[in-house]
Amino acid sequence: RLLISGVNAGVSTNTLRLAMGESDEIM
């Protein structure tokens, strides 16, 4: 598993996924 700590409350999981170019499946 991957824990990303300290993510701003305004950043959604989908926004992070798109910014990193990762698949929805891995997220």
mmCIF file of all heavy atoms, coordinates in Angstrom:
data_MODEL
# 
_entry.id   MODEL 
# 
loop_
_atom_site.group_PDB 
_atom_site.id 
_atom_site.type_symbol 
_atom_site.label_atom_id 
_atom_site.label_alt_id 
_atom_site.label_comp_id 
_atom_site.label_asym_id 
_atom_site.label_entity_id 
_atom_site.label_seq_id 
_atom_site.pdbx_PDB_ins_code 
_atom_site.Cartn_x 
_atom_site.Cartn_y 
_atom_site.Cartn_z 
_atom_site.occupancy 
_atom_site.B_iso_or_equiv 
_atom_site.pdbx_formal_charge 
_atom_site.auth_seq_id 
_atom_site.auth_comp_id 
_atom_site.auth_asym_id 
_atom_site.auth_atom_id 
_atom_site.pdbx_PDB_model_num 
ATOM 1   N N   . ARG A 1 1  ? 0.849   -1.188 0.000   1.00 0.00 ? 1  ARG A N   1 
ATOM 2   C CA  . ARG A 1 1  ? 0.000   0.000  0.000   1.00 0.00 ? 1  ARG A CA  1 
ATOM 3   C C   . ARG A 1 1  ? 0.883   1.236  0.000   1.00 0.00 ? 1  ARG A C   1 
ATOM 4   O O   . ARG A 1 1  ? 2.040   1.194  0.407   1.00 0.00 ? 1  ARG A O   1 
ATOM 5   C CB  . ARG A 1 1  ? -0.909  0.025  1.227   1.00 0.00 ? 1  ARG A CB  1 
ATOM 6   C CG  . ARG A 1 1  ? -1.884  -1.159 1.264   1.00 0.00 ? 1  ARG A CG  1 
ATOM 7   C CD  . ARG A 1 1  ? -3.028  -0.951 2.211   1.00 0.00 ? 1  ARG A CD  1 
ATOM 8   N NE  . ARG A 1 1  ? -3.905  0.161  1.875   1.00 0.00 ? 1  ARG A NE  1 
ATOM 9   C CZ  . ARG A 1 1  ? -4.832  0.122  0.908   1.00 0.00 ? 1  ARG A CZ  1 
ATOM 10  N NH1 . ARG A 1 1  ? -4.975  -0.941 0.167   1.00 0.00 ? 1  ARG A NH1 1 
ATOM 11  N NH2 . ARG A 1 1  ? -5.615  1.163  0.708   1.00 0.00 ? 1  ARG A NH2 1 
ATOM 12  N N   . LEU A 1 2  ? 0.305   2.347  -0.432  1.00 0.00 ? 2  LEU A N   1 
ATOM 13  C CA  . LEU A 1 2  ? 1.003   3.630  -0.463  1.00 0.00 ? 2  LEU A CA  1 
ATOM 14  C C   . LEU A 1 2  ? 0.182   4.639  0.337   1.00 0.00 ? 2  LEU A C   1 
ATOM 15  O O   . LEU A 1 2  ? -1.001  4.841  0.046   1.00 0.00 ? 2  LEU A O   1 
ATOM 16  C CB  . LEU A 1 2  ? 1.171   4.112  -1.909  1.00 0.00 ? 2  LEU A CB  1 
ATOM 17  C CG  . LEU A 1 2  ? 1.713   5.524  -2.123  1.00 0.00 ? 2  LEU A CG  1 
ATOM 18  C CD1 . LEU A 1 2  ? 3.142   5.638  -1.594  1.00 0.00 ? 2  LEU A CD1 1 
ATOM 19  C CD2 . LEU A 1 2  ? 1.674   5.888  -3.599  1.00 0.00 ? 2  LEU A CD2 1 
ATOM 20  N N   . LEU A 1 3  ? 0.801   5.229  1.363   1.00 0.00 ? 3  LEU A N   1 
ATOM 21  C CA  . LEU A 1 3  ? 0.162   6.305  2.126   1.00 0.00 ? 3  LEU A CA  1 
ATOM 22  C C   . LEU A 1 3  ? 0.817   7.611  1.725   1.00 0.00 ? 3  LEU A C   1 
ATOM 23  O O   . LEU A 1 3  ? 2.035   7.750  1.809   1.00 0.00 ? 3  LEU A O   1 
ATOM 24  C CB  . LEU A 1 3  ? 0.327   6.096  3.639   1.00 0.00 ? 3  LEU A CB  1 
ATOM 25  C CG  . LEU A 1 3  ? -0.047  7.293  4.512   1.00 0.00 ? 3  LEU A CG  1 
ATOM 26  C CD1 . LEU A 1 3  ? -1.532  7.633  4.388   1.00 0.00 ? 3  LEU A CD1 1 
ATOM 27  C CD2 . LEU A 1 3  ? 0.326   7.056  5.962   1.00 0.00 ? 3  LEU A CD2 1 
ATOM 28  N N   . ILE A 1 4  ? 0.009   8.547  1.280   1.00 0.00 ? 4  ILE A N   1 
ATOM 29  C CA  . ILE A 1 4  ? 0.498   9.888  0.963   1.00 0.00 ? 4  ILE A CA  1 
ATOM 30  C C   . ILE A 1 4  ? 0.019   10.792 2.082   1.00 0.00 ? 4  ILE A C   1 
ATOM 31  O O   . ILE A 1 4  ? -1.170  11.047 2.232   1.00 0.00 ? 4  ILE A O   1 
ATOM 32  C CB  . ILE A 1 4  ? -0.018  10.366 -0.402  1.00 0.00 ? 4  ILE A CB  1 
ATOM 33  C CG1 . ILE A 1 4  ? 0.361   9.350  -1.484  1.00 0.00 ? 4  ILE A CG1 1 
ATOM 34  C CG2 . ILE A 1 4  ? 0.554   11.741 -0.726  1.00 0.00 ? 4  ILE A CG2 1 
ATOM 35  C CD1 . ILE A 1 4  ? -0.262  9.622  -2.838  1.00 0.00 ? 4  ILE A CD1 1 
ATOM 36  N N   . SER A 1 5  ? 0.955   11.262 2.899   1.00 0.00 ? 5  SER A N   1 
ATOM 37  C CA  . SER A 1 5  ? 0.623   12.048 4.084   1.00 0.00 ? 5  SER A CA  1 
ATOM 38  C C   . SER A 1 5  ? 0.737   13.543 3.792   1.00 0.00 ? 5  SER A C   1 
ATOM 39  O O   . SER A 1 5  ? 1.615   13.984 3.061   1.00 0.00 ? 5  SER A O   1 
ATOM 40  C CB  . SER A 1 5  ? 1.583   11.678 5.223   1.00 0.00 ? 5  SER A CB  1 
ATOM 41  O OG  . SER A 1 5  ? 1.334   12.483 6.346   1.00 0.00 ? 5  SER A OG  1 
ATOM 42  N N   . GLY A 1 6  ? -0.167  14.304 4.383   1.00 0.00 ? 6  GLY A N   1 
ATOM 43  C CA  . GLY A 1 6  ? -0.104  15.760 4.279   1.00 0.00 ? 6  GLY A CA  1 
ATOM 44  C C   . GLY A 1 6  ? -0.758  16.319 3.035   1.00 0.00 ? 6  GLY A C   1 
ATOM 45  O O   . GLY A 1 6  ? -0.421  17.408 2.587   1.00 0.00 ? 6  GLY A O   1 
ATOM 46  N N   . VAL A 1 7  ? -1.722  15.600 2.474   1.00 0.00 ? 7  VAL A N   1 
ATOM 47  C CA  . VAL A 1 7  ? -2.411  16.073 1.271   1.00 0.00 ? 7  VAL A CA  1 
ATOM 48  C C   . VAL A 1 7  ? -3.410  17.157 1.674   1.00 0.00 ? 7  VAL A C   1 
ATOM 49  O O   . VAL A 1 7  ? -4.167  16.998 2.623   1.00 0.00 ? 7  VAL A O   1 
ATOM 50  C CB  . VAL A 1 7  ? -3.139  14.908 0.554   1.00 0.00 ? 7  VAL A CB  1 
ATOM 51  C CG1 . VAL A 1 7  ? -3.934  15.410 -0.639  1.00 0.00 ? 7  VAL A CG1 1 
ATOM 52  C CG2 . VAL A 1 7  ? -2.132  13.854 0.131   1.00 0.00 ? 7  VAL A CG2 1 
ATOM 53  N N   . ASN A 1 8  ? -3.391  18.248 0.953   1.00 0.00 ? 8  ASN A N   1 
ATOM 54  C CA  . ASN A 1 8  ? -4.286  19.373 1.217   1.00 0.00 ? 8  ASN A CA  1 
ATOM 55  C C   . ASN A 1 8  ? -5.735  18.925 1.096   1.00 0.00 ? 8  ASN A C   1 
ATOM 56  O O   . ASN A 1 8  ? -6.086  18.139 0.224   1.00 0.00 ? 8  ASN A O   1 
ATOM 57  C CB  . ASN A 1 8  ? -3.995  20.501 0.217   1.00 0.00 ? 8  ASN A CB  1 
ATOM 58  C CG  . ASN A 1 8  ? -4.763  21.760 0.538   1.00 0.00 ? 8  ASN A CG  1 
ATOM 59  O OD1 . ASN A 1 8  ? -5.975  21.792 0.465   1.00 0.00 ? 8  ASN A OD1 1 
ATOM 60  N ND2 . ASN A 1 8  ? -4.030  22.797 0.881   1.00 0.00 ? 8  ASN A ND2 1 
ATOM 61  N N   . ALA A 1 9  ? -6.587  19.448 1.984   1.00 0.00 ? 9  ALA A N   1 
ATOM 62  C CA  . ALA A 1 9  ? -8.002  19.067 2.000   1.00 0.00 ? 9  ALA A CA  1 
ATOM 63  C C   . ALA A 1 9  ? -8.701  19.420 0.695   1.00 0.00 ? 9  ALA A C   1 
ATOM 64  O O   . ALA A 1 9  ? -9.695  18.798 0.328   1.00 0.00 ? 9  ALA A O   1 
ATOM 65  C CB  . ALA A 1 9  ? -8.704  19.745 3.170   1.00 0.00 ? 9  ALA A CB  1 
ATOM 66  N N   . GLY A 1 10 ? -8.187  20.391 -0.041  1.00 0.00 ? 10 GLY A N   1 
ATOM 67  C CA  . GLY A 1 10 ? -8.799  20.797 -1.302  1.00 0.00 ? 10 GLY A CA  1 
ATOM 68  C C   . GLY A 1 10 ? -8.414  19.928 -2.489  1.00 0.00 ? 10 GLY A C   1 
ATOM 69  O O   . GLY A 1 10 ? -8.947  20.106 -3.584  1.00 0.00 ? 10 GLY A O   1 
ATOM 70  N N   . VAL A 1 11 ? -7.484  18.993 -2.288  1.00 0.00 ? 11 VAL A N   1 
ATOM 71  C CA  . VAL A 1 11 ? -7.037  18.123 -3.374  1.00 0.00 ? 11 VAL A CA  1 
ATOM 72  C C   . VAL A 1 11 ? -7.782  16.794 -3.283  1.00 0.00 ? 11 VAL A C   1 
ATOM 73  O O   . VAL A 1 11 ? -7.647  16.069 -2.302  1.00 0.00 ? 11 VAL A O   1 
ATOM 74  C CB  . VAL A 1 11 ? -5.507  17.890 -3.302  1.00 0.00 ? 11 VAL A CB  1 
ATOM 75  C CG1 . VAL A 1 11 ? -5.067  16.908 -4.384  1.00 0.00 ? 11 VAL A CG1 1 
ATOM 76  C CG2 . VAL A 1 11 ? -4.757  19.200 -3.415  1.00 0.00 ? 11 VAL A CG2 1 
ATOM 77  N N   . SER A 1 12 ? -8.568  16.509 -4.307  1.00 0.00 ? 12 SER A N   1 
ATOM 78  C CA  . SER A 1 12 ? -9.327  15.249 -4.312  1.00 0.00 ? 12 SER A CA  1 
ATOM 79  C C   . SER A 1 12 ? -8.426  14.107 -4.770  1.00 0.00 ? 12 SER A C   1 
ATOM 80  O O   . SER A 1 12 ? -7.377  14.315 -5.371  1.00 0.00 ? 12 SER A O   1 
ATOM 81  C CB  . SER A 1 12 ? -10.540 15.362 -5.228  1.00 0.00 ? 12 SER A CB  1 
ATOM 82  O OG  . SER A 1 12 ? -10.110 15.404 -6.578  1.00 0.00 ? 12 SER A OG  1 
ATOM 83  N N   . THR A 1 13 ? -8.888  12.897 -4.502  1.00 0.00 ? 13 THR A N   1 
ATOM 84  C CA  . THR A 1 13 ? -8.165  11.711 -4.950  1.00 0.00 ? 13 THR A CA  1 
ATOM 85  C C   . THR A 1 13 ? -8.064  11.699 -6.468  1.00 0.00 ? 13 THR A C   1 
ATOM 86  O O   . THR A 1 13 ? -7.021  11.368 -7.028  1.00 0.00 ? 13 THR A O   1 
ATOM 87  C CB  . THR A 1 13 ? -8.872  10.431 -4.447  1.00 0.00 ? 13 THR A CB  1 
ATOM 88  O OG1 . THR A 1 13 ? -8.966  10.493 -3.027  1.00 0.00 ? 13 THR A OG1 1 
ATOM 89  C CG2 . THR A 1 13 ? -8.120  9.184  -4.845  1.00 0.00 ? 13 THR A CG2 1 
ATOM 90  N N   . ASN A 1 14 ? -9.141  12.113 -7.131  1.00 0.00 ? 14 ASN A N   1 
ATOM 91  C CA  . ASN A 1 14 ? -9.141  12.139 -8.588  1.00 0.00 ? 14 ASN A CA  1 
ATOM 92  C C   . ASN A 1 14 ? -8.157  13.183 -9.128  1.00 0.00 ? 14 ASN A C   1 
ATOM 93  O O   . ASN A 1 14 ? -7.465  12.938 -10.119 1.00 0.00 ? 14 ASN A O   1 
ATOM 94  C CB  . ASN A 1 14 ? -10.549 12.387 -9.127  1.00 0.00 ? 14 ASN A CB  1 
ATOM 95  C CG  . ASN A 1 14 ? -10.636 12.105 -10.604 1.00 0.00 ? 14 ASN A CG  1 
ATOM 96  O OD1 . ASN A 1 14 ? -10.193 11.054 -11.066 1.00 0.00 ? 14 ASN A OD1 1 
ATOM 97  N ND2 . ASN A 1 14 ? -11.184 13.040 -11.354 1.00 0.00 ? 14 ASN A ND2 1 
ATOM 98  N N   . THR A 1 15 ? -8.095  14.339 -8.483  1.00 0.00 ? 15 THR A N   1 
ATOM 99  C CA  . THR A 1 15 ? -7.148  15.373 -8.901  1.00 0.00 ? 15 THR A CA  1 
ATOM 100 C C   . THR A 1 15 ? -5.719  14.871 -8.764  1.00 0.00 ? 15 THR A C   1 
ATOM 101 O O   . THR A 1 15 ? -4.896  15.070 -9.666  1.00 0.00 ? 15 THR A O   1 
ATOM 102 C CB  . THR A 1 15 ? -7.337  16.652 -8.051  1.00 0.00 ? 15 THR A CB  1 
ATOM 103 O OG1 . THR A 1 15 ? -8.675  17.102 -8.190  1.00 0.00 ? 15 THR A OG1 1 
ATOM 104 C CG2 . THR A 1 15 ? -6.380  17.737 -8.471  1.00 0.00 ? 15 THR A CG2 1 
ATOM 105 N N   . LEU A 1 16 ? -5.435  14.208 -7.669  1.00 0.00 ? 16 LEU A N   1 
ATOM 106 C CA  . LEU A 1 16 ? -4.111  13.638 -7.451  1.00 0.00 ? 16 LEU A CA  1 
ATOM 107 C C   . LEU A 1 16 ? -3.815  12.564 -8.498  1.00 0.00 ? 16 LEU A C   1 
ATOM 108 O O   . LEU A 1 16 ? -2.726  12.515 -9.061  1.00 0.00 ? 16 LEU A O   1 
ATOM 109 C CB  . LEU A 1 16 ? -4.004  13.062 -6.041  1.00 0.00 ? 16 LEU A CB  1 
ATOM 110 C CG  . LEU A 1 16 ? -2.657  12.484 -5.648  1.00 0.00 ? 16 LEU A CG  1 
ATOM 111 C CD1 . LEU A 1 16 ? -1.578  13.552 -5.669  1.00 0.00 ? 16 LEU A CD1 1 
ATOM 112 C CD2 . LEU A 1 16 ? -2.736  11.854 -4.272  1.00 0.00 ? 16 LEU A CD2 1 
ATOM 113 N N   . ARG A 1 17 ? -4.798  11.730 -8.768  1.00 0.00 ? 17 ARG A N   1 
ATOM 114 C CA  . ARG A 1 17 ? -4.626  10.664 -9.769  1.00 0.00 ? 17 ARG A CA  1 
ATOM 115 C C   . ARG A 1 17 ? -4.296  11.262 -11.130 1.00 0.00 ? 17 ARG A C   1 
ATOM 116 O O   . ARG A 1 17 ? -3.360  10.830 -11.809 1.00 0.00 ? 17 ARG A O   1 
ATOM 117 C CB  . ARG A 1 17 ? -5.905  9.828  -9.865  1.00 0.00 ? 17 ARG A CB  1 
ATOM 118 C CG  . ARG A 1 17 ? -5.826  8.708  -10.903 1.00 0.00 ? 17 ARG A CG  1 
ATOM 119 C CD  . ARG A 1 17 ? -7.165  8.013  -11.069 1.00 0.00 ? 17 ARG A CD  1 
ATOM 120 N NE  . ARG A 1 17 ? -8.169  8.842  -11.715 1.00 0.00 ? 17 ARG A NE  1 
ATOM 121 C CZ  . ARG A 1 17 ? -8.236  9.072  -13.026 1.00 0.00 ? 17 ARG A CZ  1 
ATOM 122 N NH1 . ARG A 1 17 ? -7.344  8.554  -13.839 1.00 0.00 ? 17 ARG A NH1 1 
ATOM 123 N NH2 . ARG A 1 17 ? -9.197  9.820  -13.526 1.00 0.00 ? 17 ARG A NH2 1 
ATOM 124 N N   . LEU A 1 18 ? -5.034  12.283 -11.538 1.00 0.00 ? 18 LEU A N   1 
ATOM 125 C CA  . LEU A 1 18 ? -4.795  12.915 -12.834 1.00 0.00 ? 18 LEU A CA  1 
ATOM 126 C C   . LEU A 1 18 ? -3.439  13.613 -12.881 1.00 0.00 ? 18 LEU A C   1 
ATOM 127 O O   . LEU A 1 18 ? -2.719  13.528 -13.881 1.00 0.00 ? 18 LEU A O   1 
ATOM 128 C CB  . LEU A 1 18 ? -5.920  13.910 -13.150 1.00 0.00 ? 18 LEU A CB  1 
ATOM 129 C CG  . LEU A 1 18 ? -7.297  13.304 -13.404 1.00 0.00 ? 18 LEU A CG  1 
ATOM 130 C CD1 . LEU A 1 18 ? -8.345  14.397 -13.515 1.00 0.00 ? 18 LEU A CD1 1 
ATOM 131 C CD2 . LEU A 1 18 ? -7.272  12.428 -14.645 1.00 0.00 ? 18 LEU A CD2 1 
ATOM 132 N N   . ALA A 1 19 ? -3.086  14.294 -11.793 1.00 0.00 ? 19 ALA A N   1 
ATOM 133 C CA  . ALA A 1 19 ? -1.801  15.000 -11.747 1.00 0.00 ? 19 ALA A CA  1 
ATOM 134 C C   . ALA A 1 19 ? -0.624  14.048 -11.845 1.00 0.00 ? 19 ALA A C   1 
ATOM 135 O O   . ALA A 1 19 ? 0.408   14.370 -12.445 1.00 0.00 ? 19 ALA A O   1 
ATOM 136 C CB  . ALA A 1 19 ? -1.706  15.826 -10.467 1.00 0.00 ? 19 ALA A CB  1 
ATOM 137 N N   . MET A 1 20 ? -0.768  12.873 -11.275 1.00 0.00 ? 20 MET A N   1 
ATOM 138 C CA  . MET A 1 20 ? 0.314   11.894 -11.284 1.00 0.00 ? 20 MET A CA  1 
ATOM 139 C C   . MET A 1 20 ? 0.238   10.947 -12.473 1.00 0.00 ? 20 MET A C   1 
ATOM 140 O O   . MET A 1 20 ? 1.147   10.155 -12.698 1.00 0.00 ? 20 MET A O   1 
ATOM 141 C CB  . MET A 1 20 ? 0.314   11.083 -9.974  1.00 0.00 ? 20 MET A CB  1 
ATOM 142 C CG  . MET A 1 20 ? 0.589   11.910 -8.737  1.00 0.00 ? 20 MET A CG  1 
ATOM 143 S SD  . MET A 1 20 ? 2.105   12.897 -8.857  1.00 0.00 ? 20 MET A SD  1 
ATOM 144 C CE  . MET A 1 20 ? 3.338   11.637 -9.080  1.00 0.00 ? 20 MET A CE  1 
ATOM 145 N N   . GLY A 1 21 ? -0.860  11.008 -13.232 1.00 0.00 ? 21 GLY A N   1 
ATOM 146 C CA  . GLY A 1 21 ? -1.011  10.133 -14.391 1.00 0.00 ? 21 GLY A CA  1 
ATOM 147 C C   . GLY A 1 21 ? -1.180  8.673  -14.015 1.00 0.00 ? 21 GLY A C   1 
ATOM 148 O O   . GLY A 1 21 ? -0.735  7.787  -14.736 1.00 0.00 ? 21 GLY A O   1 
ATOM 149 N N   . GLU A 1 22 ? -1.830  8.428  -12.889 1.00 0.00 ? 22 GLU A N   1 
ATOM 150 C CA  . GLU A 1 22 ? -2.015  7.060  -12.409 1.00 0.00 ? 22 GLU A CA  1 
ATOM 151 C C   . GLU A 1 22 ? -3.406  6.557  -12.759 1.00 0.00 ? 22 GLU A C   1 
ATOM 152 O O   . GLU A 1 22 ? -4.329  7.332  -12.997 1.00 0.00 ? 22 GLU A O   1 
ATOM 153 C CB  . GLU A 1 22 ? -1.800  6.993  -10.893 1.00 0.00 ? 22 GLU A CB  1 
ATOM 154 C CG  . GLU A 1 22 ? -0.403  7.352  -10.457 1.00 0.00 ? 22 GLU A CG  1 
ATOM 155 C CD  . GLU A 1 22 ? 0.677   6.434  -10.998 1.00 0.00 ? 22 GLU A CD  1 
ATOM 156 O OE1 . GLU A 1 22 ? 0.382   5.261  -11.312 1.00 0.00 ? 22 GLU A OE1 1 
ATOM 157 O OE2 . GLU A 1 22 ? 1.822   6.880  -11.122 1.00 0.00 ? 22 GLU A OE2 1 
ATOM 158 N N   . SER A 1 23 ? -3.558  5.246  -12.758 1.00 0.00 ? 23 SER A N   1 
ATOM 159 C CA  . SER A 1 23 ? -4.847  4.631  -13.080 1.00 0.00 ? 23 SER A CA  1 
ATOM 160 C C   . SER A 1 23 ? -5.785  4.704  -11.879 1.00 0.00 ? 23 SER A C   1 
ATOM 161 O O   . SER A 1 23 ? -5.347  4.766  -10.732 1.00 0.00 ? 23 SER A O   1 
ATOM 162 C CB  . SER A 1 23 ? -4.649  3.173  -13.489 1.00 0.00 ? 23 SER A CB  1 
ATOM 163 O OG  . SER A 1 23 ? -4.254  2.401  -12.372 1.00 0.00 ? 23 SER A OG  1 
ATOM 164 N N   . ASP A 1 24 ? -7.074  4.683  -12.178 1.00 0.00 ? 24 ASP A N   1 
ATOM 165 C CA  . ASP A 1 24 ? -8.080  4.657  -11.119 1.00 0.00 ? 24 ASP A CA  1 
ATOM 166 C C   . ASP A 1 24 ? -7.962  3.364  -10.318 1.00 0.00 ? 24 ASP A C   1 
ATOM 167 O O   . ASP A 1 24 ? -8.181  3.350  -9.116  1.00 0.00 ? 24 ASP A O   1 
ATOM 168 C CB  . ASP A 1 24 ? -9.482  4.797  -11.731 1.00 0.00 ? 24 ASP A CB  1 
ATOM 169 C CG  . ASP A 1 24 ? -10.530 5.053  -10.672 1.00 0.00 ? 24 ASP A CG  1 
ATOM 170 O OD1 . ASP A 1 24 ? -10.277 5.907  -9.789  1.00 0.00 ? 24 ASP A OD1 1 
ATOM 171 O OD2 . ASP A 1 24 ? -11.586 4.403  -10.716 1.00 0.00 ? 24 ASP A OD2 1 
ATOM 172 N N   . GLU A 1 25 ? -7.595  2.288  -10.998 1.00 0.00 ? 25 GLU A N   1 
ATOM 173 C CA  . GLU A 1 25 ? -7.455  0.986  -10.349 1.00 0.00 ? 25 GLU A CA  1 
ATOM 174 C C   . GLU A 1 25 ? -6.412  1.009  -9.236  1.00 0.00 ? 25 GLU A C   1 
ATOM 175 O O   . GLU A 1 25 ? -6.678  0.540  -8.125  1.00 0.00 ? 25 GLU A O   1 
ATOM 176 C CB  . GLU A 1 25 ? -7.065  -0.063 -11.403 1.00 0.00 ? 25 GLU A CB  1 
ATOM 177 C CG  . GLU A 1 25 ? -6.924  -1.460 -10.845 1.00 0.00 ? 25 GLU A CG  1 
ATOM 178 C CD  . GLU A 1 25 ? -6.521  -2.442 -11.937 1.00 0.00 ? 25 GLU A CD  1 
ATOM 179 O OE1 . GLU A 1 25 ? -7.229  -2.514 -12.952 1.00 0.00 ? 25 GLU A OE1 1 
ATOM 180 O OE2 . GLU A 1 25 ? -5.495  -3.115 -11.748 1.00 0.00 ? 25 GLU A OE2 1 
ATOM 181 N N   . ILE A 1 26 ? -5.248  1.566  -9.501  1.00 0.00 ? 26 ILE A N   1 
ATOM 182 C CA  . ILE A 1 26 ? -4.193  1.601  -8.477  1.00 0.00 ? 26 ILE A CA  1 
ATOM 183 C C   . ILE A 1 26 ? -4.570  2.533  -7.330  1.00 0.00 ? 26 ILE A C   1 
ATOM 184 O O   . ILE A 1 26 ? -4.268  2.261  -6.171  1.00 0.00 ? 26 ILE A O   1 
ATOM 185 C CB  . ILE A 1 26 ? -2.816  1.959  -9.078  1.00 0.00 ? 26 ILE A CB  1 
ATOM 186 C CG1 . ILE A 1 26 ? -1.710  1.542  -8.116  1.00 0.00 ? 26 ILE A CG1 1 
ATOM 187 C CG2 . ILE A 1 26 ? -2.697  3.439  -9.393  1.00 0.00 ? 26 ILE A CG2 1 
ATOM 188 C CD1 . ILE A 1 26 ? -0.333  1.527  -8.727  1.00 0.00 ? 26 ILE A CD1 1 
ATOM 189 N N   . MET A 1 27 ? -5.263  3.626  -7.654  1.00 0.00 ? 27 MET A N   1 
ATOM 190 C CA  . MET A 1 27 ? -5.685  4.564  -6.607  1.00 0.00 ? 27 MET A CA  1 
ATOM 191 C C   . MET A 1 27 ? -6.723  3.917  -5.687  1.00 0.00 ? 27 MET A C   1 
ATOM 192 O O   . MET A 1 27 ? -6.694  4.128  -4.479  1.00 0.00 ? 27 MET A O   1 
ATOM 193 C CB  . MET A 1 27 ? -6.258  5.844  -7.228  1.00 0.00 ? 27 MET A CB  1 
ATOM 194 C CG  . MET A 1 27 ? -5.243  6.673  -7.997  1.00 0.00 ? 27 MET A CG  1 
ATOM 195 S SD  . MET A 1 27 ? -3.878  7.308  -7.031  1.00 0.00 ? 27 MET A SD  1 
ATOM 196 C CE  . MET A 1 27 ? -4.655  8.597  -6.105  1.00 0.00 ? 27 MET A CE  1 
# 
